[in-house]
Amino acid sequence: MYYIGPHVSIGGGVANAPKNAKALGATGFGMFVKNQRQWTAAPYTPADIEAFKQQMTVDGYTAAQVMPHAGYLINLANPDEEAHAKSMGALIDEIRRCMALGLDKLNFHPGSHLRKLTPEAACTRVAQSINAALAQTQDVTLVIENTAGSGGNLGAPFEEIRAIIDGVDDRTRVGVCLDTMHAFAAGYDLRTRDGFLTTMEHFDRTVGFSYLRGMHLNDSKVALNSRVDRHESLGRGLLGIEVFRCIMTDARFKNMPLVLETPNEELWEQEIQQLMAMQ
């Protein structure tokens, strides 16, 4: 089964995430586990946790269908010790929130070296950070997202993702989320079936499909290799629709969250239906 749905809001309570996804006809979804633009948030109450778990059951979702996303402020590559410690505290808090909710993944951006470290040193720092976070938590896999590569962000070339994974001690608890728009902006030409297959073969050789835990399905407002992160609705950007048809007819992408991060919420239900019709 293909687990398709948007990144839904937790506004009004975390239990609203599955409810919001179900209202759109989603078979999977993404969510934040706290405000993504703040370092801290009030802890969940036992009632919050129970309400989320009950709503997941009512709406027919399991953890396999959900890709939580870590906050945008977290930067595990930051060379400043105080700032890095703040990022580590936020990441561990979010992993523990996933644990409390019974969710088994947390997607995060690997971070930026801020042009103060070499990419190699920054990848090592991220891997060491993952090791420290995993040592203090259980059950949740940290899922590294590829990036467009702007501003010193790691993870645009698949080789950097592999370098991070190579430094992780417990690789059973690390995975990858591929974002179509980020890959395109990083120089991977996904516009045709041949280009898609070439990119996936490169990903498999470099990282390995065994690490893939989900995808973000986004068209692009910007050109190939632009190194800029600008999402567009499906079929309305420079990436085009063929890549999504390739994904929806490839069994390798079944049974993992395929999350829409497209900008127009009014189109989400239509986009879900469009993707499902491609199967």
C-alpha atoms as a PDB file:
ATOM      1  CA  MET A   1       0.000   0.000   0.000  1.00  0.00           C
ATOM      2  CA  TYR A   2       1.140   3.546  -0.712  1.00  0.00           C
ATOM      3  CA  TYR A   3       0.964   5.776   2.385  1.00  0.00           C
ATOM      4  CA  ILE A   4       0.149   9.180   0.870  1.00  0.00           C
ATOM      5  CA  GLY A   5      -0.812  12.400   2.611  1.00  0.00           C
ATOM      6  CA  PRO A   6       0.250  15.933   3.464  1.00  0.00           C
ATOM      7  CA  HIS A   7       2.160  17.379   6.372  1.00  0.00           C
ATOM      8  CA  VAL A   8      -0.826  18.165   8.608  1.00  0.00           C
ATOM      9  CA  SER A   9      -1.275  20.618  11.465  1.00  0.00           C
ATOM     10  CA  ILE A  10      -1.234  19.710  15.162  1.00  0.00           C
ATOM     11  CA  GLY A  11      -2.909  23.028  16.008  1.00  0.00           C
ATOM     12  CA  GLY A  12      -5.377  22.629  18.846  1.00  0.00           C
ATOM     13  CA  GLY A  13      -3.703  19.450  20.068  1.00  0.00           C
ATOM     14  CA  VAL A  14      -1.517  16.686  18.724  1.00  0.00           C
ATOM     15  CA  ALA A  15      -4.549  14.385  18.340  1.00  0.00           C
ATOM     16  CA  ASN A  16      -5.756  16.639  15.522  1.00  0.00           C
ATOM     17  CA  ALA A  17      -2.974  15.381  13.224  1.00  0.00           C
ATOM     18  CA  PRO A  18      -4.572  12.020  12.340  1.00  0.00           C
ATOM     19  CA  LYS A  19      -8.006  13.648  12.312  1.00  0.00           C
ATOM     20  CA  ASN A  20      -6.834  16.284   9.813  1.00  0.00           C
ATOM     21  CA  ALA A  21      -5.214  13.638   7.617  1.00  0.00           C
ATOM     22  CA  LYS A  22      -8.304  11.445   7.611  1.00  0.00           C
ATOM     23  CA  ALA A  23     -10.500  14.363   6.558  1.00  0.00           C
ATOM     24  CA  LEU A  24      -8.402  14.659   3.379  1.00  0.00           C
ATOM     25  CA  GLY A  25      -8.577  10.971   2.544  1.00  0.00           C
ATOM     26  CA  ALA A  26      -4.880  10.485   3.324  1.00  0.00           C
ATOM     27  CA  THR A  27      -3.405   7.019   3.798  1.00  0.00           C
ATOM     28  CA  GLY A  28      -0.331   8.469   5.512  1.00  0.00           C
ATOM     29  CA  PHE A  29       0.836  11.856   6.786  1.00  0.00           C
ATOM     30  CA  GLY A  30       3.607  14.011   8.167  1.00  0.00           C
ATOM     31  CA  MET A  31       3.459  16.138  11.334  1.00  0.00           C
ATOM     32  CA  PHE A  32       5.535  18.099  13.782  1.00  0.00           C
ATOM     33  CA  VAL A  33       5.560  16.963  17.399  1.00  0.00           C
ATOM     34  CA  LYS A  34       5.822  20.555  18.690  1.00  0.00           C
ATOM     35  CA  ASN A  35       6.064  24.042  17.218  1.00  0.00           C
ATOM     36  CA  GLN A  36       8.749  23.711  14.551  1.00  0.00           C
ATOM     37  CA  ARG A  37      10.051  27.274  14.978  1.00  0.00           C
ATOM     38  CA  GLN A  38      10.529  27.233  18.759  1.00  0.00           C
ATOM     39  CA  TRP A  39      13.198  25.569  20.851  1.00  0.00           C
ATOM     40  CA  THR A  40      10.926  24.370  23.630  1.00  0.00           C
ATOM     41  CA  ALA A  41       7.295  23.542  24.231  1.00  0.00           C
ATOM     42  CA  ALA A  42       5.156  22.400  27.136  1.00  0.00           C
ATOM     43  CA  PRO A  43       5.415  18.649  27.673  1.00  0.00           C
ATOM     44  CA  TYR A  44       2.542  16.440  26.594  1.00  0.00           C
ATOM     45  CA  THR A  45       0.067  15.590  29.293  1.00  0.00           C
ATOM     46  CA  PRO A  46      -1.073  11.983  29.743  1.00  0.00           C
ATOM     47  CA  ALA A  47      -4.400  13.121  28.267  1.00  0.00           C
ATOM     48  CA  ASP A  48      -2.626  14.477  25.135  1.00  0.00           C
ATOM     49  CA  ILE A  49      -0.861  11.165  24.603  1.00  0.00           C
ATOM     50  CA  GLU A  50      -3.960   9.059  25.144  1.00  0.00           C
ATOM     51  CA  ALA A  51      -6.041  11.280  22.843  1.00  0.00           C
ATOM     52  CA  PHE A  52      -3.461  10.934  20.050  1.00  0.00           C
ATOM     53  CA  LYS A  53      -3.261   7.169  20.369  1.00  0.00           C
ATOM     54  CA  GLN A  54      -7.040   6.818  20.429  1.00  0.00           C
ATOM     55  CA  GLN A  55      -7.430   9.066  17.388  1.00  0.00           C
ATOM     56  CA  MET A  56      -4.808   7.060  15.490  1.00  0.00           C
ATOM     57  CA  THR A  57      -6.836   3.923  16.185  1.00  0.00           C
ATOM     58  CA  VAL A  58     -10.163   5.539  15.288  1.00  0.00           C
ATOM     59  CA  ASP A  59      -8.783   6.845  11.993  1.00  0.00           C
ATOM     60  CA  GLY A  60      -6.996   3.605  11.140  1.00  0.00           C
ATOM     61  CA  TYR A  61      -3.384   4.787  11.118  1.00  0.00           C
ATOM     62  CA  THR A  62      -0.277   3.035  12.449  1.00  0.00           C
ATOM     63  CA  ALA A  63       3.195   4.434  13.135  1.00  0.00           C
ATOM     64  CA  ALA A  64       4.351   2.986   9.796  1.00  0.00           C
ATOM     65  CA  GLN A  65       2.139   5.541   8.000  1.00  0.00           C
ATOM     66  CA  VAL A  66       3.476   8.618   9.817  1.00  0.00           C
ATOM     67  CA  MET A  67       6.653  10.653   9.275  1.00  0.00           C
ATOM     68  CA  PRO A  68       7.144  13.156  12.113  1.00  0.00           C
ATOM     69  CA  HIS A  69       9.428  16.060  11.221  1.00  0.00           C
ATOM     70  CA  ALA A  70      11.867  17.667  13.659  1.00  0.00           C
ATOM     71  CA  GLY A  71      11.950  21.413  14.246  1.00  0.00           C
ATOM     72  CA  TYR A  72      13.695  23.708  11.791  1.00  0.00           C
ATOM     73  CA  LEU A  73      16.012  25.273  14.374  1.00  0.00           C
ATOM     74  CA  ILE A  74      17.962  22.072  15.027  1.00  0.00           C
ATOM     75  CA  ASN A  75      21.463  22.085  13.512  1.00  0.00           C
ATOM     76  CA  LEU A  76      23.571  19.089  14.482  1.00  0.00           C
ATOM     77  CA  ALA A  77      26.484  20.362  12.375  1.00  0.00           C
ATOM     78  CA  ASN A  78      26.792  23.664  14.230  1.00  0.00           C
ATOM     79  CA  PRO A  79      30.430  24.132  15.292  1.00  0.00           C
ATOM     80  CA  ASP A  80      29.495  26.419  18.190  1.00  0.00           C
ATOM     81  CA  GLU A  81      29.308  24.264  21.303  1.00  0.00           C
ATOM     82  CA  GLU A  82      26.556  26.211  23.057  1.00  0.00           C
ATOM     83  CA  ALA A  83      24.365  26.342  19.958  1.00  0.00           C
ATOM     84  CA  HIS A  84      25.030  22.671  19.254  1.00  0.00           C
ATOM     85  CA  ALA A  85      24.020  21.710  22.785  1.00  0.00           C
ATOM     86  CA  LYS A  86      20.742  23.583  22.308  1.00  0.00           C
ATOM     87  CA  SER A  87      20.099  21.618  19.115  1.00  0.00           C
ATOM     88  CA  MET A  88      20.871  18.342  20.862  1.00  0.00           C
ATOM     89  CA  GLY A  89      18.471  19.147  23.682  1.00  0.00           C
ATOM     90  CA  ALA A  90      15.698  19.962  21.221  1.00  0.00           C
ATOM     91  CA  LEU A  91      16.323  16.812  19.172  1.00  0.00           C
ATOM     92  CA  ILE A  92      16.301  14.501  22.175  1.00  0.00           C
ATOM     93  CA  ASP A  93      13.101  16.142  23.429  1.00  0.00           C
ATOM     94  CA  GLU A  94      11.443  15.523  20.060  1.00  0.00           C
ATOM     95  CA  ILE A  95      12.594  11.899  19.951  1.00  0.00           C
ATOM     96  CA  ARG A  96      11.078  11.396  23.396  1.00  0.00           C
ATOM     97  CA  ARG A  97       7.835  12.989  22.209  1.00  0.00           C
ATOM     98  CA  CYS A  98       7.742  10.442  19.381  1.00  0.00           C
ATOM     99  CA  MET A  99       8.369   7.673  21.907  1.00  0.00           C
ATOM    100  CA  ALA A 100       5.488   8.903  24.061  1.00  0.00           C
ATOM    101  CA  LEU A 101       3.122   8.976  21.069  1.00  0.00           C
ATOM    102  CA  GLY A 102       4.165   5.519  19.864  1.00  0.00           C
ATOM    103  CA  LEU A 103       5.744   6.879  16.676  1.00  0.00           C
ATOM    104  CA  ASP A 104       8.858   5.143  15.362  1.00  0.00           C
ATOM    105  CA  LYS A 105      10.561   7.730  13.119  1.00  0.00           C
ATOM    106  CA  LEU A 106      11.764  11.341  13.317  1.00  0.00           C
ATOM    107  CA  ASN A 107      12.819  13.069  10.112  1.00  0.00           C
ATOM    108  CA  PHE A 108      15.404  15.860  10.415  1.00  0.00           C
ATOM    109  CA  HIS A 109      17.612  18.068   8.257  1.00  0.00           C
ATOM    110  CA  PRO A 110      21.278  17.226   8.849  1.00  0.00           C
ATOM    111  CA  GLY A 111      22.143  20.889   9.340  1.00  0.00           C
ATOM    112  CA  SER A 112      24.651  23.447   8.077  1.00  0.00           C
ATOM    113  CA  HIS A 113      28.379  23.750   8.699  1.00  0.00           C
ATOM    114  CA  LEU A 114      27.853  27.531   8.445  1.00  0.00           C
ATOM    115  CA  ARG A 115      31.013  27.591   6.310  1.00  0.00           C
ATOM    116  CA  LYS A 116      33.047  27.142   9.494  1.00  0.00           C
ATOM    117  CA  LEU A 117      33.762  23.424   9.047  1.00  0.00           C
ATOM    118  CA  THR A 118      34.614  21.321   6.040  1.00  0.00           C
ATOM    119  CA  PRO A 119      31.716  19.167   4.815  1.00  0.00           C
ATOM    120  CA  GLU A 120      33.657  16.084   5.948  1.00  0.00           C
ATOM    121  CA  ALA A 121      34.103  17.417   9.488  1.00  0.00           C
ATOM    122  CA  ALA A 122      30.467  18.519   9.580  1.00  0.00           C
ATOM    123  CA  CYS A 123      29.250  15.047   8.547  1.00  0.00           C
ATOM    124  CA  THR A 124      31.341  13.551  11.352  1.00  0.00           C
ATOM    125  CA  ARG A 125      29.818  16.005  13.828  1.00  0.00           C
ATOM    126  CA  VAL A 126      26.288  15.077  12.727  1.00  0.00           C
ATOM    127  CA  ALA A 127      27.044  11.354  13.048  1.00  0.00           C
ATOM    128  CA  GLN A 128      28.461  11.859  16.540  1.00  0.00           C
ATOM    129  CA  SER A 129      25.347  13.836  17.463  1.00  0.00           C
ATOM    130  CA  ILE A 130      23.108  11.037  16.198  1.00  0.00           C
ATOM    131  CA  ASN A 131      25.074   8.546  18.294  1.00  0.00           C
ATOM    132  CA  ALA A 132      24.609  10.682  21.402  1.00  0.00           C
ATOM    133  CA  ALA A 133      20.871  11.131  20.770  1.00  0.00           C
ATOM    134  CA  LEU A 134      20.261   7.439  20.093  1.00  0.00           C
ATOM    135  CA  ALA A 135      22.160   6.472  23.247  1.00  0.00           C
ATOM    136  CA  GLN A 136      19.662   8.455  25.343  1.00  0.00           C
ATOM    137  CA  THR A 137      16.483   7.204  23.625  1.00  0.00           C
ATOM    138  CA  GLN A 138      14.838   4.021  22.385  1.00  0.00           C
ATOM    139  CA  ASP A 139      12.681   2.694  19.553  1.00  0.00           C
ATOM    140  CA  VAL A 140      12.751   5.766  17.260  1.00  0.00           C
ATOM    141  CA  THR A 141      14.736   5.843  14.004  1.00  0.00           C
ATOM    142  CA  LEU A 142      16.386   9.147  13.073  1.00  0.00           C
ATOM    143  CA  VAL A 143      15.655   9.803   9.394  1.00  0.00           C
ATOM    144  CA  ILE A 144      18.085  12.070   7.537  1.00  0.00           C
ATOM    145  CA  GLU A 145      16.540  14.240   4.820  1.00  0.00           C
ATOM    146  CA  ASN A 146      18.420  15.217   1.682  1.00  0.00           C
ATOM    147  CA  THR A 147      18.615  18.978   1.156  1.00  0.00           C
ATOM    148  CA  ALA A 148      18.788  21.497  -1.676  1.00  0.00           C
ATOM    149  CA  GLY A 149      22.272  22.461  -0.465  1.00  0.00           C
ATOM    150  CA  SER A 150      21.805  26.168   0.186  1.00  0.00           C
ATOM    151  CA  GLY A 151      23.692  28.006   2.912  1.00  0.00           C
ATOM    152  CA  GLY A 152      26.185  25.288   3.729  1.00  0.00           C
ATOM    153  CA  ASN A 153      23.449  22.726   4.342  1.00  0.00           C
ATOM    154  CA  LEU A 154      24.663  19.144   4.311  1.00  0.00           C
ATOM    155  CA  GLY A 155      22.949  16.330   2.458  1.00  0.00           C
ATOM    156  CA  ALA A 156      22.564  17.673  -1.069  1.00  0.00           C
ATOM    157  CA  PRO A 157      24.906  15.053  -2.567  1.00  0.00           C
ATOM    158  CA  PHE A 158      23.936  11.532  -1.523  1.00  0.00           C
ATOM    159  CA  GLU A 159      27.589  10.944  -0.645  1.00  0.00           C
ATOM    160  CA  GLU A 160      27.252  13.269   2.363  1.00  0.00           C
ATOM    161  CA  ILE A 161      24.274  11.286   3.644  1.00  0.00           C
ATOM    162  CA  ARG A 162      26.333   8.118   3.292  1.00  0.00           C
ATOM    163  CA  ALA A 163      29.210   9.735   5.179  1.00  0.00           C
ATOM    164  CA  ILE A 164      26.882  10.532   8.067  1.00  0.00           C
ATOM    165  CA  ILE A 165      25.458   7.004   8.133  1.00  0.00           C
ATOM    166  CA  ASP A 166      28.982   5.543   8.107  1.00  0.00           C
ATOM    167  CA  GLY A 167      29.666   7.367  11.367  1.00  0.00           C
ATOM    168  CA  VAL A 168      26.565   6.047  13.147  1.00  0.00           C
ATOM    169  CA  ASP A 169      27.126   3.181  15.576  1.00  0.00           C
ATOM    170  CA  ASP A 170      23.602   1.708  15.527  1.00  0.00           C
ATOM    171  CA  ARG A 171      22.582   1.795  11.885  1.00  0.00           C
ATOM    172  CA  THR A 172      19.351  -0.063  12.636  1.00  0.00           C
ATOM    173  CA  ARG A 173      18.087   3.269  13.987  1.00  0.00           C
ATOM    174  CA  VAL A 174      19.084   5.559  11.138  1.00  0.00           C
ATOM    175  CA  GLY A 175      17.318   6.043   7.816  1.00  0.00           C
ATOM    176  CA  VAL A 176      16.794   8.464   4.936  1.00  0.00           C
ATOM    177  CA  CYS A 177      13.897  10.543   3.614  1.00  0.00           C
ATOM    178  CA  LEU A 178      14.223  11.634  -0.016  1.00  0.00           C
ATOM    179  CA  ASP A 179      12.656  14.950  -0.981  1.00  0.00           C
ATOM    180  CA  THR A 180      11.999  15.188  -4.735  1.00  0.00           C
ATOM    181  CA  MET A 181      12.267  18.979  -4.875  1.00  0.00           C
ATOM    182  CA  HIS A 182      15.475  19.050  -2.823  1.00  0.00           C
ATOM    183  CA  ALA A 183      17.033  16.383  -5.049  1.00  0.00           C
ATOM    184  CA  PHE A 184      16.142  18.356  -8.184  1.00  0.00           C
ATOM    185  CA  ALA A 185      17.569  21.580  -6.747  1.00  0.00           C
ATOM    186  CA  ALA A 186      20.717  19.661  -5.777  1.00  0.00           C
ATOM    187  CA  GLY A 187      21.283  18.631  -9.393  1.00  0.00           C
ATOM    188  CA  TYR A 188      19.520  15.263  -9.705  1.00  0.00           C
ATOM    189  CA  ASP A 189      17.406  15.453 -12.857  1.00  0.00           C
ATOM    190  CA  LEU A 190      14.159  13.614 -12.061  1.00  0.00           C
ATOM    191  CA  ARG A 191      12.074  15.074 -14.878  1.00  0.00           C
ATOM    192  CA  THR A 192      12.058  11.919 -17.021  1.00  0.00           C
ATOM    193  CA  ARG A 193      11.722   8.227 -16.259  1.00  0.00           C
ATOM    194  CA  ASP A 194      15.323   7.645 -17.340  1.00  0.00           C
ATOM    195  CA  GLY A 195      16.508  10.464 -15.104  1.00  0.00           C
ATOM    196  CA  PHE A 196      14.487   9.123 -12.184  1.00  0.00           C
ATOM    197  CA  LEU A 197      15.861   5.603 -12.583  1.00  0.00           C
ATOM    198  CA  THR A 198      19.425   6.904 -12.929  1.00  0.00           C
ATOM    199  CA  THR A 199      19.046   8.937  -9.737  1.00  0.00           C
ATOM    200  CA  MET A 200      17.553   6.018  -7.814  1.00  0.00           C
ATOM    201  CA  GLU A 201      20.356   3.727  -9.006  1.00  0.00           C
ATOM    202  CA  HIS A 202      22.881   6.298  -7.771  1.00  0.00           C
ATOM    203  CA  PHE A 203      21.062   6.546  -4.436  1.00  0.00           C
ATOM    204  CA  ASP A 204      21.062   2.758  -4.085  1.00  0.00           C
ATOM    205  CA  ARG A 205      24.774   2.479  -4.872  1.00  0.00           C
ATOM    206  CA  THR A 206      25.725   5.386  -2.626  1.00  0.00           C
ATOM    207  CA  VAL A 207      23.357   5.082   0.333  1.00  0.00           C
ATOM    208  CA  GLY A 208      21.265   1.949  -0.196  1.00  0.00           C
ATOM    209  CA  PHE A 209      17.516   1.486  -0.530  1.00  0.00           C
ATOM    210  CA  SER A 210      17.545  -0.452   2.740  1.00  0.00           C
ATOM    211  CA  TYR A 211      17.880   2.921   4.503  1.00  0.00           C
ATOM    212  CA  LEU A 212      14.918   4.588   2.772  1.00  0.00           C
ATOM    213  CA  ARG A 213      12.139   5.267   5.290  1.00  0.00           C
ATOM    214  CA  GLY A 214       9.960   7.735   3.375  1.00  0.00           C
ATOM    215  CA  MET A 215       9.748  10.509   0.808  1.00  0.00           C
ATOM    216  CA  HIS A 216       8.616  14.110   0.531  1.00  0.00           C
ATOM    217  CA  LEU A 217       6.725  14.624  -2.713  1.00  0.00           C
ATOM    218  CA  ASN A 218       7.109  18.188  -3.959  1.00  0.00           C
ATOM    219  CA  ASP A 219       7.340  19.924  -7.307  1.00  0.00           C
ATOM    220  CA  SER A 220       9.859  22.769  -7.670  1.00  0.00           C
ATOM    221  CA  LYS A 221       9.576  26.520  -8.187  1.00  0.00           C
ATOM    222  CA  VAL A 222      13.279  26.644  -9.076  1.00  0.00           C
ATOM    223  CA  ALA A 223      15.477  25.155 -11.762  1.00  0.00           C
ATOM    224  CA  LEU A 224      17.662  22.068 -11.758  1.00  0.00           C
ATOM    225  CA  ASN A 225      20.818  22.517  -9.648  1.00  0.00           C
ATOM    226  CA  SER A 226      19.636  25.902  -8.336  1.00  0.00           C
ATOM    227  CA  ARG A 227      20.536  24.980  -4.711  1.00  0.00           C
ATOM    228  CA  VAL A 228      17.426  26.839  -3.525  1.00  0.00           C
ATOM    229  CA  ASP A 229      14.586  25.290  -1.491  1.00  0.00           C
ATOM    230  CA  ARG A 230      11.243  26.382  -3.013  1.00  0.00           C
ATOM    231  CA  HIS A 231       8.379  23.889  -3.159  1.00  0.00           C
ATOM    232  CA  GLU A 232       5.540  23.925  -5.694  1.00  0.00           C
ATOM    233  CA  SER A 233       2.271  22.004  -6.070  1.00  0.00           C
ATOM    234  CA  LEU A 234       2.421  18.755  -8.033  1.00  0.00           C
ATOM    235  CA  GLY A 235       2.633  19.250 -11.794  1.00  0.00           C
ATOM    236  CA  ARG A 236       2.752  23.042 -11.487  1.00  0.00           C
ATOM    237  CA  GLY A 237       6.497  23.498 -11.259  1.00  0.00           C
ATOM    238  CA  LEU A 238       9.727  22.888 -13.139  1.00  0.00           C
ATOM    239  CA  LEU A 239      10.081  19.303 -11.969  1.00  0.00           C
ATOM    240  CA  GLY A 240       6.851  18.141 -13.588  1.00  0.00           C
ATOM    241  CA  ILE A 241       4.545  15.189 -13.023  1.00  0.00           C
ATOM    242  CA  GLU A 242       6.510  12.228 -14.444  1.00  0.00           C
ATOM    243  CA  VAL A 243       8.634  11.679 -11.328  1.00  0.00           C
ATOM    244  CA  PHE A 244       5.514  11.156  -9.219  1.00  0.00           C
ATOM    245  CA  ARG A 245       4.140   8.661 -11.720  1.00  0.00           C
ATOM    246  CA  CYS A 246       7.449   6.799 -11.468  1.00  0.00           C
ATOM    247  CA  ILE A 247       7.205   6.679  -7.680  1.00  0.00           C
ATOM    248  CA  MET A 248       3.585   5.540  -7.682  1.00  0.00           C
ATOM    249  CA  THR A 249       4.333   2.618 -10.025  1.00  0.00           C
ATOM    250  CA  ASP A 250       7.460   1.433  -8.192  1.00  0.00           C
ATOM    251  CA  ALA A 251       6.902  -1.098  -5.405  1.00  0.00           C
ATOM    252  CA  ARG A 252      10.057   0.072  -3.606  1.00  0.00           C
ATOM    253  CA  PHE A 253       8.048   3.054  -2.330  1.00  0.00           C
ATOM    254  CA  LYS A 254       5.169   1.090  -0.848  1.00  0.00           C
ATOM    255  CA  ASN A 255       4.639   0.823   2.913  1.00  0.00           C
ATOM    256  CA  MET A 256       6.462   4.047   3.777  1.00  0.00           C
ATOM    257  CA  PRO A 257       5.156   7.611   4.267  1.00  0.00           C
ATOM    258  CA  LEU A 258       5.008   9.618   1.020  1.00  0.00           C
ATOM    259  CA  VAL A 259       4.399  13.075   2.421  1.00  0.00           C
ATOM    260  CA  LEU A 260       3.203  16.098   0.477  1.00  0.00           C
ATOM    261  CA  GLU A 261       4.866  19.357   1.536  1.00  0.00           C
ATOM    262  CA  THR A 262       3.301  21.287  -1.308  1.00  0.00           C
ATOM    263  CA  PRO A 263       2.396  24.922  -0.580  1.00  0.00           C
ATOM    264  CA  ASN A 264      -1.324  25.103  -1.441  1.00  0.00           C
ATOM    265  CA  GLU A 265      -3.398  23.352   1.220  1.00  0.00           C
ATOM    266  CA  GLU A 266      -6.504  23.709  -0.913  1.00  0.00           C
ATOM    267  CA  LEU A 267      -4.970  21.291  -3.420  1.00  0.00           C
ATOM    268  CA  TRP A 268      -3.933  18.580  -0.946  1.00  0.00           C
ATOM    269  CA  GLU A 269      -7.018  16.412  -1.297  1.00  0.00           C
ATOM    270  CA  GLN A 270      -6.786  16.670  -5.086  1.00  0.00           C
ATOM    271  CA  GLU A 271      -3.074  15.827  -5.010  1.00  0.00           C
ATOM    272  CA  ILE A 272      -3.718  12.733  -2.891  1.00  0.00           C
ATOM    273  CA  GLN A 273      -6.333  11.545  -5.354  1.00  0.00           C
ATOM    274  CA  GLN A 274      -4.052  12.373  -8.295  1.00  0.00           C
ATOM    275  CA  LEU A 275      -1.233  10.254  -6.851  1.00  0.00           C
ATOM    276  CA  MET A 276      -3.509   7.352  -5.968  1.00  0.00           C
ATOM    277  CA  ALA A 277      -4.873   7.314  -9.523  1.00  0.00           C
ATOM    278  CA  MET A 278      -1.339   6.798 -10.846  1.00  0.00           C
ATOM    279  CA  GLN A 279      -0.971   3.367  -9.227  1.00  0.00           C
END
